[in-house]
């Protein structure tokens, strides 16, 4: 994926637009994940979440990620 987001890239939209991906709260990524991004195969943010699930699950243990 050529537009792959990494920790030091900026969030491209939403409530945390412009913040570094590593600084966006795991709870916000969980919200996106459970509200449709889990199924989105073309979204760079969904791809970032998918690749970061191991860490995000540790940061937001109250969330159901499956």
Protein backbone atom coordinates (compact mmCIF):
# COMPACT_ATOMS: atom_id res chain seq x y z
CA UNK A 1 0.00 0.00 0.00
CA UNK A 2 1.70 3.20 -1.17
CA UNK A 3 -0.16 5.54 1.18
CA UNK A 4 0.62 3.47 4.28
CA UNK A 5 0.47 5.50 7.48
CA UNK A 6 3.10 5.12 10.18
CA UNK A 7 3.37 6.35 13.78
CA UNK A 8 5.02 9.63 12.76
CA UNK A 9 2.50 10.48 10.03
CA UNK A 10 -0.41 12.80 10.73
CA UNK A 11 -4.00 11.61 11.07
CA UNK A 12 -5.67 12.43 7.78
CA UNK A 13 -9.24 13.17 8.95
CA UNK A 14 -11.65 13.16 11.85
CA UNK A 15 -11.57 14.46 15.39
CA UNK A 16 -7.79 14.02 15.65
CA UNK A 17 -6.87 15.29 12.17
CA UNK A 18 -3.32 16.63 12.10
CA UNK A 19 -2.15 14.75 15.20
CA UNK A 20 0.62 12.20 14.90
CA UNK A 21 -0.84 8.73 14.53
CA UNK A 22 1.08 7.60 17.61
CA UNK A 23 -0.63 10.35 19.65
CA UNK A 24 -4.19 9.51 18.62
CA UNK A 25 -5.88 7.74 21.55
CA UNK A 26 -6.36 4.00 21.19
CA UNK A 27 -9.96 4.53 22.27
CA UNK A 28 -10.55 6.66 19.14
CA UNK A 29 -9.05 3.99 16.91
CA UNK A 30 -11.31 1.48 18.66
CA UNK A 31 -14.33 3.69 17.94
CA UNK A 32 -13.40 3.83 14.23
CA UNK A 33 -12.68 0.10 14.14
CA UNK A 34 -16.02 -0.88 15.63
CA UNK A 35 -17.95 1.61 13.50
CA UNK A 36 -17.04 0.34 10.06
CA UNK A 37 -13.28 0.67 9.54
CA UNK A 38 -12.72 -2.99 10.38
CA UNK A 39 -14.30 -3.90 7.04
CA UNK A 40 -12.64 -1.11 5.00
CA UNK A 41 -9.76 -2.65 3.05
CA UNK A 42 -8.85 0.54 1.16
CA UNK A 43 -8.64 3.06 4.00
CA UNK A 44 -5.10 3.94 5.16
CA UNK A 45 -6.36 4.53 8.71
CA UNK A 46 -7.98 1.09 8.80
CA UNK A 47 -4.71 -0.39 7.52
CA UNK A 48 -2.81 1.42 10.29
CA UNK A 49 -5.24 0.08 12.90
CA UNK A 50 -4.95 -3.45 11.47
CA UNK A 51 -1.13 -3.32 11.63
CA UNK A 52 -1.22 -1.80 15.15
CA UNK A 53 -3.82 -4.09 16.75
CA UNK A 54 -1.33 -5.75 19.10
CA UNK A 55 -0.35 -2.41 20.67
CA UNK A 56 -3.83 -0.88 20.54
CA UNK A 57 -5.31 -3.85 22.40
CA UNK A 58 -2.82 -3.22 25.22
CA UNK A 59 -3.55 0.51 25.32
CA UNK A 60 -7.34 0.13 25.23
CA UNK A 61 -8.03 -3.08 27.12
CA UNK A 62 -11.72 -2.27 27.64
CA UNK A 63 -12.42 -2.48 23.93
CA UNK A 64 -13.53 -5.52 21.98
CA UNK A 65 -11.34 -5.55 18.88
CA UNK A 66 -12.42 -8.82 17.21
